[in-house]
């Protein structure tokens, strides 16, 4: 039955309001503040295939929406699958420290590291991810990096988005939709390939 559902999947299953994703409103609000203040944004990503094309789309979309001070880090697989705060501190602080980090497909379980980045290095963090979230064995509550500005992950048990089985590419599409809706942009731009 699960295989049949995947085989018969349709875009109609993704047409729900992006603001049903928990914290999407916070993500949009923080990005619009960053845009207004021309803050430096750095995007970090994971290594699997769902980020490859969508990171280009996200970057192009943000630049289309006049985010001018944005860059990205192509991570070293050994370092970036999980954060190493020493590397973050050395790299970011010494190389044009951003005001905001957006994670792509990673860092959902990096609680201590995010606490350090936010409270010691003083960089805001937004997490976009689709990986499973840790659950405390005793309380049965989600274990999330509470110091992040927003944690957009449709697998959160407090997320109202009905579809829980999507890749990070889906999260990227929903970020684009939410940002576009927030500025009343309804048409896709005519981009050169």
C-alpha atoms as a PDB file:
ATOM      1  CA  UNK A   1       0.000   0.000   0.000  1.00  0.00           C
ATOM      2  CA  UNK A   2       2.836   2.448   0.875  1.00  0.00           C
ATOM      3  CA  UNK A   3       4.588   1.687  -2.429  1.00  0.00           C
ATOM      4  CA  UNK A   4       1.308   2.236  -4.278  1.00  0.00           C
ATOM      5  CA  UNK A   5       0.887   5.630  -2.578  1.00  0.00           C
ATOM      6  CA  UNK A   6       4.373   6.674  -3.695  1.00  0.00           C
ATOM      7  CA  UNK A   7       3.794   5.430  -7.230  1.00  0.00           C
ATOM      8  CA  UNK A   8       0.516   7.340  -7.524  1.00  0.00           C
ATOM      9  CA  UNK A   9       1.837  10.506  -5.917  1.00  0.00           C
ATOM     10  CA  UNK A  10       0.703  13.799  -7.383  1.00  0.00           C
ATOM     11  CA  UNK A  11       1.497  17.484  -7.001  1.00  0.00           C
ATOM     12  CA  UNK A  12      -2.050  17.845  -5.664  1.00  0.00           C
ATOM     13  CA  UNK A  13      -0.758  16.290  -2.422  1.00  0.00           C
ATOM     14  CA  UNK A  14       1.539  19.300  -1.945  1.00  0.00           C
ATOM     15  CA  UNK A  15      -0.916  22.131  -2.647  1.00  0.00           C
ATOM     16  CA  UNK A  16      -1.628  22.922   0.979  1.00  0.00           C
ATOM     17  CA  UNK A  17      -0.881  26.345   2.446  1.00  0.00           C
ATOM     18  CA  UNK A  18       2.848  26.630   3.258  1.00  0.00           C
ATOM     19  CA  UNK A  19       1.962  28.407   6.509  1.00  0.00           C
ATOM     20  CA  UNK A  20       0.602  25.096   7.796  1.00  0.00           C
ATOM     21  CA  UNK A  21       4.266  24.199   8.278  1.00  0.00           C
ATOM     22  CA  UNK A  22       5.175  24.966  11.875  1.00  0.00           C
ATOM     23  CA  UNK A  23       7.426  28.052  12.163  1.00  0.00           C
ATOM     24  CA  UNK A  24       7.110  28.993   8.483  1.00  0.00           C
ATOM     25  CA  UNK A  25       5.656  32.326   9.591  1.00  0.00           C
ATOM     26  CA  UNK A  26       8.725  32.922  11.785  1.00  0.00           C
ATOM     27  CA  UNK A  27      11.056  31.984   8.921  1.00  0.00           C
ATOM     28  CA  UNK A  28       9.338  34.433   6.566  1.00  0.00           C
ATOM     29  CA  UNK A  29       9.294  37.211   9.168  1.00  0.00           C
ATOM     30  CA  UNK A  30      13.015  36.799   9.932  1.00  0.00           C
ATOM     31  CA  UNK A  31      13.969  36.671   6.252  1.00  0.00           C
ATOM     32  CA  UNK A  32      12.021  39.834   5.509  1.00  0.00           C
ATOM     33  CA  UNK A  33      13.801  41.597   8.400  1.00  0.00           C
ATOM     34  CA  UNK A  34      17.134  40.414   6.988  1.00  0.00           C
ATOM     35  CA  UNK A  35      16.176  41.740   3.559  1.00  0.00           C
ATOM     36  CA  UNK A  36      15.050  45.100   4.941  1.00  0.00           C
ATOM     37  CA  UNK A  37      18.305  45.529   6.868  1.00  0.00           C
ATOM     38  CA  UNK A  38      20.532  44.044   4.139  1.00  0.00           C
ATOM     39  CA  UNK A  39      21.809  41.486   6.637  1.00  0.00           C
ATOM     40  CA  UNK A  40      24.391  38.911   5.647  1.00  0.00           C
ATOM     41  CA  UNK A  41      22.802  35.457   5.216  1.00  0.00           C
ATOM     42  CA  UNK A  42      24.795  32.234   4.888  1.00  0.00           C
ATOM     43  CA  UNK A  43      23.183  28.995   3.757  1.00  0.00           C
ATOM     44  CA  UNK A  44      24.593  25.648   4.912  1.00  0.00           C
ATOM     45  CA  UNK A  45      23.454  22.381   3.415  1.00  0.00           C
ATOM     46  CA  UNK A  46      23.617  18.616   3.653  1.00  0.00           C
ATOM     47  CA  UNK A  47      25.083  16.288   1.034  1.00  0.00           C
ATOM     48  CA  UNK A  48      22.369  14.078  -0.373  1.00  0.00           C
ATOM     49  CA  UNK A  49      20.627  14.540  -3.696  1.00  0.00           C
ATOM     50  CA  UNK A  50      17.526  16.453  -2.612  1.00  0.00           C
ATOM     51  CA  UNK A  51      19.452  19.686  -2.089  1.00  0.00           C
ATOM     52  CA  UNK A  52      21.424  19.792  -5.347  1.00  0.00           C
ATOM     53  CA  UNK A  53      18.938  21.505  -7.647  1.00  0.00           C
ATOM     54  CA  UNK A  54      16.866  23.167  -4.961  1.00  0.00           C
ATOM     55  CA  UNK A  55      19.738  25.052  -3.393  1.00  0.00           C
ATOM     56  CA  UNK A  56      20.262  26.726  -6.764  1.00  0.00           C
ATOM     57  CA  UNK A  57      16.540  27.512  -6.948  1.00  0.00           C
ATOM     58  CA  UNK A  58      16.461  28.920  -3.404  1.00  0.00           C
ATOM     59  CA  UNK A  59      19.530  31.101  -4.028  1.00  0.00           C
ATOM     60  CA  UNK A  60      18.185  32.342  -7.342  1.00  0.00           C
ATOM     61  CA  UNK A  61      14.775  32.995  -5.801  1.00  0.00           C
ATOM     62  CA  UNK A  62      16.192  34.944  -2.867  1.00  0.00           C
ATOM     63  CA  UNK A  63      18.309  37.005  -5.241  1.00  0.00           C
ATOM     64  CA  UNK A  64      15.256  37.548  -7.451  1.00  0.00           C
ATOM     65  CA  UNK A  65      13.507  38.919  -4.352  1.00  0.00           C
ATOM     66  CA  UNK A  66      16.414  41.354  -3.863  1.00  0.00           C
ATOM     67  CA  UNK A  67      18.282  39.591  -1.103  1.00  0.00           C
ATOM     68  CA  UNK A  68      21.689  40.973  -1.988  1.00  0.00           C
ATOM     69  CA  UNK A  69      23.937  39.896   0.860  1.00  0.00           C
ATOM     70  CA  UNK A  70      23.658  36.120   0.664  1.00  0.00           C
ATOM     71  CA  UNK A  71      26.227  33.383   0.284  1.00  0.00           C
ATOM     72  CA  UNK A  72      26.501  29.670   0.867  1.00  0.00           C
ATOM     73  CA  UNK A  73      28.923  27.140   2.224  1.00  0.00           C
ATOM     74  CA  UNK A  74      29.788  23.990   0.322  1.00  0.00           C
ATOM     75  CA  UNK A  75      30.555  21.806   3.317  1.00  0.00           C
ATOM     76  CA  UNK A  76      33.183  19.199   3.910  1.00  0.00           C
ATOM     77  CA  UNK A  77      31.187  15.988   4.390  1.00  0.00           C
ATOM     78  CA  UNK A  78      33.158  14.989   7.477  1.00  0.00           C
ATOM     79  CA  UNK A  79      32.459  18.308   9.177  1.00  0.00           C
ATOM     80  CA  UNK A  80      29.014  19.473   8.143  1.00  0.00           C
ATOM     81  CA  UNK A  81      26.820  16.427   8.487  1.00  0.00           C
ATOM     82  CA  UNK A  82      26.824  17.408  12.120  1.00  0.00           C
ATOM     83  CA  UNK A  83      28.052  20.753  13.316  1.00  0.00           C
ATOM     84  CA  UNK A  84      31.418  21.212  14.925  1.00  0.00           C
ATOM     85  CA  UNK A  85      31.189  24.516  16.750  1.00  0.00           C
ATOM     86  CA  UNK A  86      34.930  25.122  16.603  1.00  0.00           C
ATOM     87  CA  UNK A  87      34.763  25.041  12.801  1.00  0.00           C
ATOM     88  CA  UNK A  88      31.687  27.258  12.703  1.00  0.00           C
ATOM     89  CA  UNK A  89      33.321  29.782  14.991  1.00  0.00           C
ATOM     90  CA  UNK A  90      36.630  29.789  13.142  1.00  0.00           C
ATOM     91  CA  UNK A  91      35.120  29.907   9.675  1.00  0.00           C
ATOM     92  CA  UNK A  92      32.205  32.257  10.190  1.00  0.00           C
ATOM     93  CA  UNK A  93      33.710  34.714  12.628  1.00  0.00           C
ATOM     94  CA  UNK A  94      36.937  35.032  10.663  1.00  0.00           C
ATOM     95  CA  UNK A  95      35.319  35.064   7.211  1.00  0.00           C
ATOM     96  CA  UNK A  96      32.588  37.708   7.021  1.00  0.00           C
ATOM     97  CA  UNK A  97      30.371  36.596   9.885  1.00  0.00           C
ATOM     98  CA  UNK A  98      26.725  36.369   8.842  1.00  0.00           C
ATOM     99  CA  UNK A  99      23.787  37.766  10.764  1.00  0.00           C
ATOM    100  CA  UNK A 100      21.690  34.733   9.878  1.00  0.00           C
ATOM    101  CA  UNK A 101      22.387  31.098   9.039  1.00  0.00           C
ATOM    102  CA  UNK A 102      19.796  29.059   7.155  1.00  0.00           C
ATOM    103  CA  UNK A 103      20.348  25.332   7.233  1.00  0.00           C
ATOM    104  CA  UNK A 104      19.305  23.134   4.349  1.00  0.00           C
ATOM    105  CA  UNK A 105      18.468  19.524   5.092  1.00  0.00           C
ATOM    106  CA  UNK A 106      20.532  19.371   8.283  1.00  0.00           C
ATOM    107  CA  UNK A 107      21.149  20.397  11.941  1.00  0.00           C
ATOM    108  CA  UNK A 108      17.764  19.256  13.308  1.00  0.00           C
ATOM    109  CA  UNK A 109      19.546  17.334  16.097  1.00  0.00           C
ATOM    110  CA  UNK A 110      22.401  19.795  16.725  1.00  0.00           C
ATOM    111  CA  UNK A 111      20.944  21.227  19.923  1.00  0.00           C
ATOM    112  CA  UNK A 112      24.114  22.116  21.844  1.00  0.00           C
ATOM    113  CA  UNK A 113      25.868  23.504  18.788  1.00  0.00           C
ATOM    114  CA  UNK A 114      22.973  25.747  17.819  1.00  0.00           C
ATOM    115  CA  UNK A 115      22.702  27.002  21.391  1.00  0.00           C
ATOM    116  CA  UNK A 116      26.407  27.941  21.164  1.00  0.00           C
ATOM    117  CA  UNK A 117      26.093  29.590  17.732  1.00  0.00           C
ATOM    118  CA  UNK A 118      23.098  31.681  18.812  1.00  0.00           C
ATOM    119  CA  UNK A 119      24.175  32.591  22.364  1.00  0.00           C
ATOM    120  CA  UNK A 120      27.976  32.809  22.113  1.00  0.00           C
ATOM    121  CA  UNK A 121      28.784  33.652  18.493  1.00  0.00           C
ATOM    122  CA  UNK A 122      25.586  35.708  18.211  1.00  0.00           C
ATOM    123  CA  UNK A 123      24.287  34.437  14.878  1.00  0.00           C
ATOM    124  CA  UNK A 124      20.589  33.753  14.341  1.00  0.00           C
ATOM    125  CA  UNK A 125      19.753  30.302  12.966  1.00  0.00           C
ATOM    126  CA  UNK A 126      16.833  29.051  10.903  1.00  0.00           C
ATOM    127  CA  UNK A 127      16.612  25.300  10.384  1.00  0.00           C
ATOM    128  CA  UNK A 128      14.914  23.807   7.338  1.00  0.00           C
ATOM    129  CA  UNK A 129      14.962  20.039   7.373  1.00  0.00           C
ATOM    130  CA  UNK A 130      12.982  16.898   6.680  1.00  0.00           C
ATOM    131  CA  UNK A 131      14.833  14.361   8.813  1.00  0.00           C
ATOM    132  CA  UNK A 132      13.282  12.550  11.737  1.00  0.00           C
ATOM    133  CA  UNK A 133      13.288  14.467  14.992  1.00  0.00           C
ATOM    134  CA  UNK A 134      14.603  13.001  18.227  1.00  0.00           C
ATOM    135  CA  UNK A 135      12.026  12.096  20.863  1.00  0.00           C
ATOM    136  CA  UNK A 136      12.755  12.030  24.598  1.00  0.00           C
ATOM    137  CA  UNK A 137      12.185   8.483  25.872  1.00  0.00           C
ATOM    138  CA  UNK A 138      10.634   9.627  29.161  1.00  0.00           C
ATOM    139  CA  UNK A 139       8.516  12.648  28.267  1.00  0.00           C
ATOM    140  CA  UNK A 140       7.878  11.555  24.652  1.00  0.00           C
ATOM    141  CA  UNK A 141       8.387  15.182  23.618  1.00  0.00           C
ATOM    142  CA  UNK A 142      10.388  16.279  20.592  1.00  0.00           C
ATOM    143  CA  UNK A 143      13.993  17.212  21.185  1.00  0.00           C
ATOM    144  CA  UNK A 144      14.534  20.374  19.168  1.00  0.00           C
ATOM    145  CA  UNK A 145      17.165  23.124  19.138  1.00  0.00           C
ATOM    146  CA  UNK A 146      15.029  25.695  20.950  1.00  0.00           C
ATOM    147  CA  UNK A 147      17.480  28.535  20.312  1.00  0.00           C
ATOM    148  CA  UNK A 148      16.761  28.549  16.579  1.00  0.00           C
ATOM    149  CA  UNK A 149      14.511  31.347  15.306  1.00  0.00           C
ATOM    150  CA  UNK A 150      12.483  28.839  13.304  1.00  0.00           C
ATOM    151  CA  UNK A 151      12.532  25.092  12.720  1.00  0.00           C
ATOM    152  CA  UNK A 152      10.635  24.223   9.550  1.00  0.00           C
ATOM    153  CA  UNK A 153      10.276  20.457   9.307  1.00  0.00           C
ATOM    154  CA  UNK A 154       7.029  18.789   8.272  1.00  0.00           C
ATOM    155  CA  UNK A 155       7.872  15.760  10.439  1.00  0.00           C
ATOM    156  CA  UNK A 156       7.417  17.763  13.634  1.00  0.00           C
ATOM    157  CA  UNK A 157       4.548  16.282  15.620  1.00  0.00           C
ATOM    158  CA  UNK A 158       3.237  19.819  16.239  1.00  0.00           C
ATOM    159  CA  UNK A 159       3.192  20.632  12.506  1.00  0.00           C
ATOM    160  CA  UNK A 160      -0.246  20.871  10.890  1.00  0.00           C
ATOM    161  CA  UNK A 161       0.977  20.202   7.361  1.00  0.00           C
ATOM    162  CA  UNK A 162      -0.804  16.977   6.367  1.00  0.00           C
ATOM    163  CA  UNK A 163       1.952  15.374   4.293  1.00  0.00           C
ATOM    164  CA  UNK A 164       4.842  14.044   6.390  1.00  0.00           C
ATOM    165  CA  UNK A 165       6.668  12.072   3.677  1.00  0.00           C
ATOM    166  CA  UNK A 166       8.504  14.621   1.574  1.00  0.00           C
ATOM    167  CA  UNK A 167      12.147  15.352   0.842  1.00  0.00           C
ATOM    168  CA  UNK A 168      13.881  18.636   1.602  1.00  0.00           C
ATOM    169  CA  UNK A 169      13.026  19.769  -1.922  1.00  0.00           C
ATOM    170  CA  UNK A 170       9.427  19.958  -0.750  1.00  0.00           C
ATOM    171  CA  UNK A 171      10.451  22.189   2.176  1.00  0.00           C
ATOM    172  CA  UNK A 172      12.318  24.429  -0.285  1.00  0.00           C
ATOM    173  CA  UNK A 173       9.253  24.732  -2.493  1.00  0.00           C
ATOM    174  CA  UNK A 174       7.146  25.686   0.524  1.00  0.00           C
ATOM    175  CA  UNK A 175       9.690  28.321   1.632  1.00  0.00           C
ATOM    176  CA  UNK A 176       9.515  29.855  -1.854  1.00  0.00           C
ATOM    177  CA  UNK A 177       5.711  29.765  -1.777  1.00  0.00           C
ATOM    178  CA  UNK A 178       5.520  31.363   1.680  1.00  0.00           C
ATOM    179  CA  UNK A 179       7.978  34.149   0.791  1.00  0.00           C
ATOM    180  CA  UNK A 180       6.165  34.809  -2.470  1.00  0.00           C
ATOM    181  CA  UNK A 181       2.801  34.978  -0.719  1.00  0.00           C
ATOM    182  CA  UNK A 182       4.176  37.355   1.909  1.00  0.00           C
ATOM    183  CA  UNK A 183       5.048  39.942  -0.729  1.00  0.00           C
ATOM    184  CA  UNK A 184       2.019  39.153  -2.937  1.00  0.00           C
ATOM    185  CA  UNK A 185       4.164  37.742  -5.744  1.00  0.00           C
ATOM    186  CA  UNK A 186       1.985  35.354  -7.690  1.00  0.00           C
ATOM    187  CA  UNK A 187       3.896  34.771 -10.951  1.00  0.00           C
ATOM    188  CA  UNK A 188       7.170  32.914 -11.316  1.00  0.00           C
ATOM    189  CA  UNK A 189       9.906  35.057 -12.842  1.00  0.00           C
ATOM    190  CA  UNK A 190      11.098  34.491 -16.402  1.00  0.00           C
ATOM    191  CA  UNK A 191      14.584  33.189 -15.634  1.00  0.00           C
ATOM    192  CA  UNK A 192      17.302  32.426 -18.119  1.00  0.00           C
ATOM    193  CA  UNK A 193      18.326  28.763 -17.903  1.00  0.00           C
END
